[in-house]
C-alpha atoms as a PDB file:
ATOM      1  CA  MET A   1      20.887 -62.317  19.965  1.00  0.00           C
ATOM      2  CA  ALA A   2      21.525 -60.644  23.262  1.00  0.00           C
ATOM      3  CA  VAL A   3      20.429 -60.911  26.845  1.00  0.00           C
ATOM      4  CA  LEU A   4      19.238 -58.058  28.027  1.00  0.00           C
ATOM      5  CA  PRO A   5      17.276 -56.396  31.234  1.00  0.00           C
ATOM      6  CA  THR A   6      13.775 -56.363  31.020  1.00  0.00           C
ATOM      7  CA  ALA A   7      13.760 -52.680  31.104  1.00  0.00           C
ATOM      8  CA  THR A   8      15.182 -52.557  27.774  1.00  0.00           C
ATOM      9  CA  GLU A   9      11.778 -53.442  26.307  1.00  0.00           C
ATOM     10  CA  ARG A  10      10.770 -50.129  26.794  1.00  0.00           C
ATOM     11  CA  ILE A  11      13.145 -49.065  23.730  1.00  0.00           C
ATOM     12  CA  THR A  12      11.210 -49.697  20.607  1.00  0.00           C
ATOM     13  CA  LEU A  13      12.882 -50.017  17.171  1.00  0.00           C
ATOM     14  CA  PRO A  14      11.621 -51.043  13.957  1.00  0.00           C
ATOM     15  CA  ASP A  15      12.603 -54.650  13.352  1.00  0.00           C
ATOM     16  CA  LEU A  16      13.453 -55.495  16.956  1.00  0.00           C
ATOM     17  CA  ALA A  17      11.761 -58.122  18.986  1.00  0.00           C
ATOM     18  CA  TYR A  18      12.320 -58.877  22.434  1.00  0.00           C
ATOM     19  CA  ARG A  19      11.553 -62.857  23.832  1.00  0.00           C
ATOM     20  CA  PRO A  20      11.979 -63.804  27.226  1.00  0.00           C
ATOM     21  CA  LEU A  21      14.225 -66.752  28.116  1.00  0.00           C
ATOM     22  CA  ARG A  22      12.232 -69.590  29.484  1.00  0.00           C
ATOM     23  CA  ASP A  23      13.470 -72.270  31.927  1.00  0.00           C
ATOM     24  CA  THR A  24      16.939 -71.039  31.979  1.00  0.00           C
ATOM     25  CA  ALA A  25      17.343 -69.696  35.760  1.00  0.00           C
ATOM     26  CA  ASP A  26      19.135 -72.983  36.572  1.00  0.00           C
ATOM     27  CA  ARG A  27      21.435 -73.119  33.424  1.00  0.00           C
ATOM     28  CA  LEU A  28      22.364 -69.660  32.816  1.00  0.00           C
ATOM     29  CA  GLU A  29      25.901 -68.969  32.614  1.00  0.00           C
ATOM     30  CA  VAL A  30      27.392 -65.547  32.259  1.00  0.00           C
ATOM     31  CA  VAL A  31      30.737 -65.080  30.776  1.00  0.00           C
ATOM     32  CA  THR A  32      32.932 -61.773  29.876  1.00  0.00           C
ATOM     33  CA  VAL A  33      35.682 -61.603  27.392  1.00  0.00           C
ATOM     34  CA  SER A  34      38.464 -58.999  27.076  1.00  0.00           C
ATOM     35  CA  ARG A  35      41.606 -58.516  25.431  1.00  0.00           C
ATOM     36  CA  PRO A  36      44.492 -60.267  27.497  1.00  0.00           C
ATOM     37  CA  ASN A  37      46.364 -56.818  28.518  1.00  0.00           C
ATOM     38  CA  GLU A  38      43.458 -54.741  28.731  1.00  0.00           C
ATOM     39  CA  LEU A  39      44.546 -51.501  30.343  1.00  0.00           C
ATOM     40  CA  ALA A  40      41.340 -49.299  30.103  1.00  0.00           C
ATOM     41  CA  GLY A  41      40.270 -48.791  33.819  1.00  0.00           C
ATOM     42  CA  PRO A  42      36.439 -48.718  33.110  1.00  0.00           C
ATOM     43  CA  VAL A  43      36.963 -52.230  31.293  1.00  0.00           C
ATOM     44  CA  ARG A  44      39.137 -53.690  34.096  1.00  0.00           C
ATOM     45  CA  ALA A  45      36.619 -52.397  36.756  1.00  0.00           C
ATOM     46  CA  PHE A  46      33.645 -54.157  34.991  1.00  0.00           C
ATOM     47  CA  LEU A  47      35.561 -57.482  34.609  1.00  0.00           C
ATOM     48  CA  ARG A  48      36.571 -57.190  38.217  1.00  0.00           C
ATOM     49  CA  ALA A  49      32.824 -56.342  39.141  1.00  0.00           C
ATOM     50  CA  GLY A  50      31.858 -59.868  37.121  1.00  0.00           C
ATOM     51  CA  ALA A  51      34.610 -61.805  38.487  1.00  0.00           C
ATOM     52  CA  PRO A  52      33.881 -65.065  40.420  1.00  0.00           C
ATOM     53  CA  THR A  53      33.651 -64.389  44.181  1.00  0.00           C
ATOM     54  CA  ALA A  54      33.684 -67.895  45.515  1.00  0.00           C
END
């Protein structure tokens, strides 16, 4: 299972099915995971972009 943007539905592959999530807007939690000492700049930038702002 993966959470994907709606636009991904345009990609058609055999044995691949897209299903919408229902009633999850108030409960959806997004989590990122990386290695403790990640050095790759793009990975660090991605993690910073998703960091909590509050």
